[in-house]
Amino acid sequence: MRIPEDLKQEMKKRPDINWSEIVREAIKKKIESQKRVEATRKIDEIKRRMKPVDKGQLDKWLREDRER
């Protein structure tokens, strides 16, 4: 990754900060955020393609499953 020279100089003024760890954590958070966005999109797509369940149908399925 390239860091602008002025930012690099500011970072050098703060040697007590672990910049590599900060960058790793920021990247990790961004990836996790993107995964959540992708999962939400997939769920929305599945919900869009699903047919609605008739009233009472879910109860019927639960009762049938419990009887097994």
PDB file of N, CA and C in Angstrom:
ATOM      1  N   MET A   1       0.829  -1.170   0.000  1.00  0.00           N
ATOM      2  CA  MET A   1       0.000   0.000   0.000  1.00  0.00           C
ATOM      3  C   MET A   1       0.875   1.235   0.000  1.00  0.00           C
ATOM      4  N   ARG A   2       0.402   2.221  -0.695  1.00  0.00           N
ATOM      5  CA  ARG A   2       1.138   3.474  -0.713  1.00  0.00           C
ATOM      6  C   ARG A   2       0.509   4.455   0.270  1.00  0.00           C
ATOM      7  N   ILE A   3       1.381   5.115   1.017  1.00  0.00           N
ATOM      8  CA  ILE A   3       0.934   6.115   1.980  1.00  0.00           C
ATOM      9  C   ILE A   3       1.551   7.448   1.555  1.00  0.00           C
ATOM     10  N   PRO A   4       0.729   8.478   1.446  1.00  0.00           N
ATOM     11  CA  PRO A   4       1.265   9.788   1.067  1.00  0.00           C
ATOM     12  C   PRO A   4       2.371  10.228   2.039  1.00  0.00           C
ATOM     13  N   GLU A   5       3.337  10.912   1.519  1.00  0.00           N
ATOM     14  CA  GLU A   5       4.508  11.306   2.302  1.00  0.00           C
ATOM     15  C   GLU A   5       4.136  12.130   3.533  1.00  0.00           C
ATOM     16  N   ASP A   6       3.198  13.052   3.394  1.00  0.00           N
ATOM     17  CA  ASP A   6       2.825  13.874   4.549  1.00  0.00           C
ATOM     18  C   ASP A   6       2.199  13.020   5.664  1.00  0.00           C
ATOM     19  N   LEU A   7       1.420  12.036   5.286  1.00  0.00           N
ATOM     20  CA  LEU A   7       0.822  11.135   6.265  1.00  0.00           C
ATOM     21  C   LEU A   7       1.892  10.253   6.903  1.00  0.00           C
ATOM     22  N   LYS A   8       2.835   9.821   6.106  1.00  0.00           N
ATOM     23  CA  LYS A   8       3.937   8.999   6.608  1.00  0.00           C
ATOM     24  C   LYS A   8       4.740   9.767   7.661  1.00  0.00           C
ATOM     25  N   GLN A   9       4.965  11.046   7.416  1.00  0.00           N
ATOM     26  CA  GLN A   9       5.691  11.878   8.377  1.00  0.00           C
ATOM     27  C   GLN A   9       4.917  12.018   9.683  1.00  0.00           C
ATOM     28  N   GLU A  10       3.617  12.179   9.586  1.00  0.00           N
ATOM     29  CA  GLU A  10       2.782  12.269  10.789  1.00  0.00           C
ATOM     30  C   GLU A  10       2.828  10.948  11.571  1.00  0.00           C
ATOM     31  N   MET A  11       2.836   9.856  10.869  1.00  0.00           N
ATOM     32  CA  MET A  11       2.905   8.554  11.522  1.00  0.00           C
ATOM     33  C   MET A  11       4.239   8.386  12.253  1.00  0.00           C
ATOM     34  N   LYS A  12       5.320   8.861  11.658  1.00  0.00           N
ATOM     35  CA  LYS A  12       6.642   8.756  12.280  1.00  0.00           C
ATOM     36  C   LYS A  12       6.716   9.548  13.583  1.00  0.00           C
ATOM     37  N   LYS A  13       5.893  10.572  13.700  1.00  0.00           N
ATOM     38  CA  LYS A  13       5.876  11.378  14.926  1.00  0.00           C
ATOM     39  C   LYS A  13       5.207  10.638  16.076  1.00  0.00           C
ATOM     40  N   ARG A  14       4.590   9.531  15.769  1.00  0.00           N
ATOM     41  CA  ARG A  14       3.867   8.750  16.773  1.00  0.00           C
ATOM     42  C   ARG A  14       4.353   7.292  16.771  1.00  0.00           C
ATOM     43  N   PRO A  15       5.600   7.081  17.196  1.00  0.00           N
ATOM     44  CA  PRO A  15       6.169   5.724  17.156  1.00  0.00           C
ATOM     45  C   PRO A  15       5.530   4.764  18.152  1.00  0.00           C
ATOM     46  N   ASP A  16       4.792   5.295  19.128  1.00  0.00           N
ATOM     47  CA  ASP A  16       4.162   4.442  20.125  1.00  0.00           C
ATOM     48  C   ASP A  16       2.922   3.726  19.585  1.00  0.00           C
ATOM     49  N   ILE A  17       2.465   4.134  18.412  1.00  0.00           N
ATOM     50  CA  ILE A  17       1.283   3.525  17.811  1.00  0.00           C
ATOM     51  C   ILE A  17       1.708   2.418  16.855  1.00  0.00           C
ATOM     52  N   ASN A  18       1.049   1.262  16.978  1.00  0.00           N
ATOM     53  CA  ASN A  18       1.334   0.132  16.098  1.00  0.00           C
ATOM     54  C   ASN A  18       0.477   0.297  14.836  1.00  0.00           C
ATOM     55  N   TRP A  19       1.020   0.983  13.854  1.00  0.00           N
ATOM     56  CA  TRP A  19       0.271   1.322  12.649  1.00  0.00           C
ATOM     57  C   TRP A  19      -0.120   0.081  11.856  1.00  0.00           C
ATOM     58  N   SER A  20       0.722  -0.920  11.847  1.00  0.00           N
ATOM     59  CA  SER A  20       0.403  -2.150  11.123  1.00  0.00           C
ATOM     60  C   SER A  20      -0.842  -2.813  11.700  1.00  0.00           C
ATOM     61  N   GLU A  21      -0.924  -2.823  13.023  1.00  0.00           N
ATOM     62  CA  GLU A  21      -2.084  -3.424  13.675  1.00  0.00           C
ATOM     63  C   GLU A  21      -3.353  -2.618  13.375  1.00  0.00           C
ATOM     64  N   ILE A  22      -3.239  -1.309  13.368  1.00  0.00           N
ATOM     65  CA  ILE A  22      -4.391  -0.460  13.056  1.00  0.00           C
ATOM     66  C   ILE A  22      -4.875  -0.724  11.632  1.00  0.00           C
ATOM     67  N   VAL A  23      -3.963  -0.843  10.712  1.00  0.00           N
ATOM     68  CA  VAL A  23      -4.328  -1.110   9.318  1.00  0.00           C
ATOM     69  C   VAL A  23      -4.965  -2.494   9.198  1.00  0.00           C
ATOM     70  N   ARG A  24      -4.367  -3.503   9.851  1.00  0.00           N
ATOM     71  CA  ARG A  24      -4.939  -4.855   9.816  1.00  0.00           C
ATOM     72  C   ARG A  24      -6.365  -4.866  10.351  1.00  0.00           C
ATOM     73  N   GLU A  25      -6.585  -4.215  11.480  1.00  0.00           N
ATOM     74  CA  GLU A  25      -7.922  -4.179  12.076  1.00  0.00           C
ATOM     75  C   GLU A  25      -8.913  -3.445  11.178  1.00  0.00           C
ATOM     76  N   ALA A  26      -8.483  -2.349  10.562  1.00  0.00           N
ATOM     77  CA  ALA A  26      -9.378  -1.605   9.663  1.00  0.00           C
ATOM     78  C   ALA A  26      -9.764  -2.462   8.456  1.00  0.00           C
ATOM     79  N   ILE A  27      -8.808  -3.183   7.910  1.00  0.00           N
ATOM     80  CA  ILE A  27      -9.086  -4.065   6.770  1.00  0.00           C
ATOM     81  C   ILE A  27     -10.033  -5.188   7.201  1.00  0.00           C
ATOM     82  N   LYS A  28      -9.773  -5.765   8.368  1.00  0.00           N
ATOM     83  CA  LYS A  28     -10.614  -6.841   8.873  1.00  0.00           C
ATOM     84  C   LYS A  28     -12.057  -6.359   9.061  1.00  0.00           C
ATOM     85  N   LYS A  29     -12.231  -5.182   9.653  1.00  0.00           N
ATOM     86  CA  LYS A  29     -13.564  -4.629   9.859  1.00  0.00           C
ATOM     87  C   LYS A  29     -14.273  -4.366   8.535  1.00  0.00           C
ATOM     88  N   LYS A  30     -13.541  -3.867   7.559  1.00  0.00           N
ATOM     89  CA  LYS A  30     -14.131  -3.593   6.247  1.00  0.00           C
ATOM     90  C   LYS A  30     -14.587  -4.888   5.585  1.00  0.00           C
ATOM     91  N   ILE A  31     -13.776  -5.919   5.660  1.00  0.00           N
ATOM     92  CA  ILE A  31     -14.134  -7.214   5.071  1.00  0.00           C
ATOM     93  C   ILE A  31     -15.374  -7.777   5.767  1.00  0.00           C
ATOM     94  N   GLU A  32     -15.411  -7.722   7.100  1.00  0.00           N
ATOM     95  CA  GLU A  32     -16.576  -8.217   7.842  1.00  0.00           C
ATOM     96  C   GLU A  32     -17.833  -7.443   7.464  1.00  0.00           C
ATOM     97  N   SER A  33     -17.693  -6.142   7.312  1.00  0.00           N
ATOM     98  CA  SER A  33     -18.826  -5.306   6.916  1.00  0.00           C
ATOM     99  C   SER A  33     -19.333  -5.697   5.535  1.00  0.00           C
ATOM    100  N   GLN A  34     -18.415  -5.911   4.606  1.00  0.00           N
ATOM    101  CA  GLN A  34     -18.796  -6.307   3.251  1.00  0.00           C
ATOM    102  C   GLN A  34     -19.471  -7.681   3.235  1.00  0.00           C
ATOM    103  N   LYS A  35     -18.995  -8.592   4.079  1.00  0.00           N
ATOM    104  CA  LYS A  35     -19.620  -9.910   4.167  1.00  0.00           C
ATOM    105  C   LYS A  35     -21.057  -9.792   4.652  1.00  0.00           C
ATOM    106  N   ARG A  36     -21.292  -8.908   5.633  1.00  0.00           N
ATOM    107  CA  ARG A  36     -22.657  -8.707   6.130  1.00  0.00           C
ATOM    108  C   ARG A  36     -23.551  -8.127   5.042  1.00  0.00           C
ATOM    109  N   VAL A  37     -23.016  -7.184   4.272  1.00  0.00           N
ATOM    110  CA  VAL A  37     -23.789  -6.591   3.178  1.00  0.00           C
ATOM    111  C   VAL A  37     -24.140  -7.666   2.150  1.00  0.00           C
ATOM    112  N   GLU A  38     -23.173  -8.488   1.785  1.00  0.00           N
ATOM    113  CA  GLU A  38     -23.409  -9.560   0.817  1.00  0.00           C
ATOM    114  C   GLU A  38     -24.431 -10.562   1.346  1.00  0.00           C
ATOM    115  N   ALA A  39     -24.323 -10.923   2.620  1.00  0.00           N
ATOM    116  CA  ALA A  39     -25.271 -11.873   3.211  1.00  0.00           C
ATOM    117  C   ALA A  39     -26.680 -11.280   3.203  1.00  0.00           C
ATOM    118  N   THR A  40     -26.787 -10.008   3.519  1.00  0.00           N
ATOM    119  CA  THR A  40     -28.094  -9.343   3.510  1.00  0.00           C
ATOM    120  C   THR A  40     -28.690  -9.350   2.110  1.00  0.00           C
ATOM    121  N   ARG A  41     -27.874  -9.090   1.118  1.00  0.00           N
ATOM    122  CA  ARG A  41     -28.357  -9.120  -0.270  1.00  0.00           C
ATOM    123  C   ARG A  41     -28.856 -10.511  -0.647  1.00  0.00           C
ATOM    124  N   LYS A  42     -28.103 -11.545  -0.249  1.00  0.00           N
ATOM    125  CA  LYS A  42     -28.508 -12.915  -0.557  1.00  0.00           C
ATOM    126  C   LYS A  42     -29.823 -13.258   0.125  1.00  0.00           C
ATOM    127  N   ILE A  43     -29.940 -12.869   1.383  1.00  0.00           N
ATOM    128  CA  ILE A  43     -31.185 -13.135   2.114  1.00  0.00           C
ATOM    129  C   ILE A  43     -32.352 -12.414   1.451  1.00  0.00           C
ATOM    130  N   ASP A  44     -32.141 -11.163   1.074  1.00  0.00           N
ATOM    131  CA  ASP A  44     -33.203 -10.401   0.404  1.00  0.00           C
ATOM    132  C   ASP A  44     -33.608 -11.057  -0.914  1.00  0.00           C
ATOM    133  N   GLU A  45     -32.632 -11.578  -1.649  1.00  0.00           N
ATOM    134  CA  GLU A  45     -32.926 -12.240  -2.916  1.00  0.00           C
ATOM    135  C   GLU A  45     -33.736 -13.519  -2.679  1.00  0.00           C
ATOM    136  N   ILE A  46     -33.349 -14.275  -1.677  1.00  0.00           N
ATOM    137  CA  ILE A  46     -34.089 -15.503  -1.350  1.00  0.00           C
ATOM    138  C   ILE A  46     -35.508 -15.158  -0.928  1.00  0.00           C
ATOM    139  N   LYS A  47     -35.654 -14.154  -0.084  1.00  0.00           N
ATOM    140  CA  LYS A  47     -36.992 -13.745   0.359  1.00  0.00           C
ATOM    141  C   LYS A  47     -37.845 -13.271  -0.815  1.00  0.00           C
ATOM    142  N   ARG A  48     -37.212 -12.593  -1.768  1.00  0.00           N
ATOM    143  CA  ARG A  48     -37.936 -12.096  -2.936  1.00  0.00           C
ATOM    144  C   ARG A  48     -38.465 -13.248  -3.785  1.00  0.00           C
ATOM    145  N   ARG A  49     -37.686 -14.340  -3.877  1.00  0.00           N
ATOM    146  CA  ARG A  49     -38.082 -15.477  -4.715  1.00  0.00           C
ATOM    147  C   ARG A  49     -39.036 -16.435  -4.022  1.00  0.00           C
ATOM    148  N   MET A  50     -39.137 -16.341  -2.715  1.00  0.00           N
ATOM    149  CA  MET A  50     -40.005 -17.267  -1.979  1.00  0.00           C
ATOM    150  C   MET A  50     -41.468 -16.912  -2.162  1.00  0.00           C
ATOM    151  N   LYS A  51     -42.266 -17.956  -2.187  1.00  0.00           N
ATOM    152  CA  LYS A  51     -43.714 -17.762  -2.246  1.00  0.00           C
ATOM    153  C   LYS A  51     -44.217 -17.553  -0.824  1.00  0.00           C
ATOM    154  N   PRO A  52     -45.214 -16.716  -0.641  1.00  0.00           N
ATOM    155  CA  PRO A  52     -45.747 -16.533   0.708  1.00  0.00           C
ATOM    156  C   PRO A  52     -46.411 -17.811   1.218  1.00  0.00           C
ATOM    157  N   VAL A  53     -46.344 -18.018   2.509  1.00  0.00           N
ATOM    158  CA  VAL A  53     -46.943 -19.196   3.137  1.00  0.00           C
ATOM    159  C   VAL A  53     -48.364 -18.827   3.566  1.00  0.00           C
ATOM    160  N   ASP A  54     -49.304 -19.713   3.257  1.00  0.00           N
ATOM    161  CA  ASP A  54     -50.698 -19.483   3.648  1.00  0.00           C
ATOM    162  C   ASP A  54     -50.819 -19.439   5.163  1.00  0.00           C
ATOM    163  N   LYS A  55     -51.796 -18.677   5.626  1.00  0.00           N
ATOM    164  CA  LYS A  55     -52.042 -18.556   7.054  1.00  0.00           C
ATOM    165  C   LYS A  55     -52.341 -19.948   7.639  1.00  0.00           C
ATOM    166  N   GLY A  56     -51.668 -20.265   8.728  1.00  0.00           N
ATOM    167  CA  GLY A  56     -51.867 -21.558   9.372  1.00  0.00           C
ATOM    168  C   GLY A  56     -50.957 -22.658   8.854  1.00  0.00           C
ATOM    169  N   GLN A  57     -50.341 -22.463   7.719  1.00  0.00           N
ATOM    170  CA  GLN A  57     -49.491 -23.506   7.129  1.00  0.00           C
ATOM    171  C   GLN A  57     -48.277 -23.791   7.998  1.00  0.00           C
ATOM    172  N   LEU A  58     -47.678 -22.756   8.533  1.00  0.00           N
ATOM    173  CA  LEU A  58     -46.497 -22.948   9.379  1.00  0.00           C
ATOM    174  C   LEU A  58     -46.855 -23.769  10.619  1.00  0.00           C
ATOM    175  N   ASP A  59     -47.992 -23.455  11.238  1.00  0.00           N
ATOM    176  CA  ASP A  59     -48.445 -24.241  12.392  1.00  0.00           C
ATOM    177  C   ASP A  59     -48.626 -25.704  12.014  1.00  0.00           C
ATOM    178  N   LYS A  60     -49.204 -25.940  10.851  1.00  0.00           N
ATOM    179  CA  LYS A  60     -49.430 -27.305  10.377  1.00  0.00           C
ATOM    180  C   LYS A  60     -48.102 -28.048  10.232  1.00  0.00           C
ATOM    181  N   TRP A  61     -47.126 -27.386   9.622  1.00  0.00           N
ATOM    182  CA  TRP A  61     -45.813 -28.008   9.439  1.00  0.00           C
ATOM    183  C   TRP A  61     -45.163 -28.316  10.788  1.00  0.00           C
ATOM    184  N   LEU A  62     -45.277 -27.398  11.735  1.00  0.00           N
ATOM    185  CA  LEU A  62     -44.684 -27.615  13.057  1.00  0.00           C
ATOM    186  C   LEU A  62     -45.336 -28.816  13.749  1.00  0.00           C
ATOM    187  N   ARG A  63     -46.653 -28.898  13.687  1.00  0.00           N
ATOM    188  CA  ARG A  63     -47.343 -30.033  14.295  1.00  0.00           C
ATOM    189  C   ARG A  63     -46.921 -31.351  13.658  1.00  0.00           C
ATOM    190  N   GLU A  64     -46.829 -31.367  12.342  1.00  0.00           N
ATOM    191  CA  GLU A  64     -46.402 -32.583  11.622  1.00  0.00           C
ATOM    192  C   GLU A  64     -44.987 -32.981  12.046  1.00  0.00           C
ATOM    193  N   ASP A  65     -44.122 -31.995  12.180  1.00  0.00           N
ATOM    194  CA  ASP A  65     -42.740 -32.276  12.546  1.00  0.00           C
ATOM    195  C   ASP A  65     -42.648 -32.818  13.969  1.00  0.00           C
ATOM    196  N   ARG A  66     -43.436 -32.288  14.869  1.00  0.00           N
ATOM    197  CA  ARG A  66     -43.432 -32.744  16.264  1.00  0.00           C
ATOM    198  C   ARG A  66     -43.940 -34.172  16.393  1.00  0.00           C
ATOM    199  N   GLU A  67     -44.828 -34.568  15.516  1.00  0.00           N
ATOM    200  CA  GLU A  67     -45.414 -35.915  15.552  1.00  0.00           C
ATOM    201  C   GLU A  67     -44.426 -36.986  15.114  1.00  0.00           C
ATOM    202  N   ARG A  68     -43.380 -36.617  14.463  1.00  0.00           N
ATOM    203  CA  ARG A  68     -42.389 -37.599  13.986  1.00  0.00           C
ATOM    204  C   ARG A  68     -41.560 -38.159  15.089  1.00  0.00           C
TER     205      ARG A  68
END
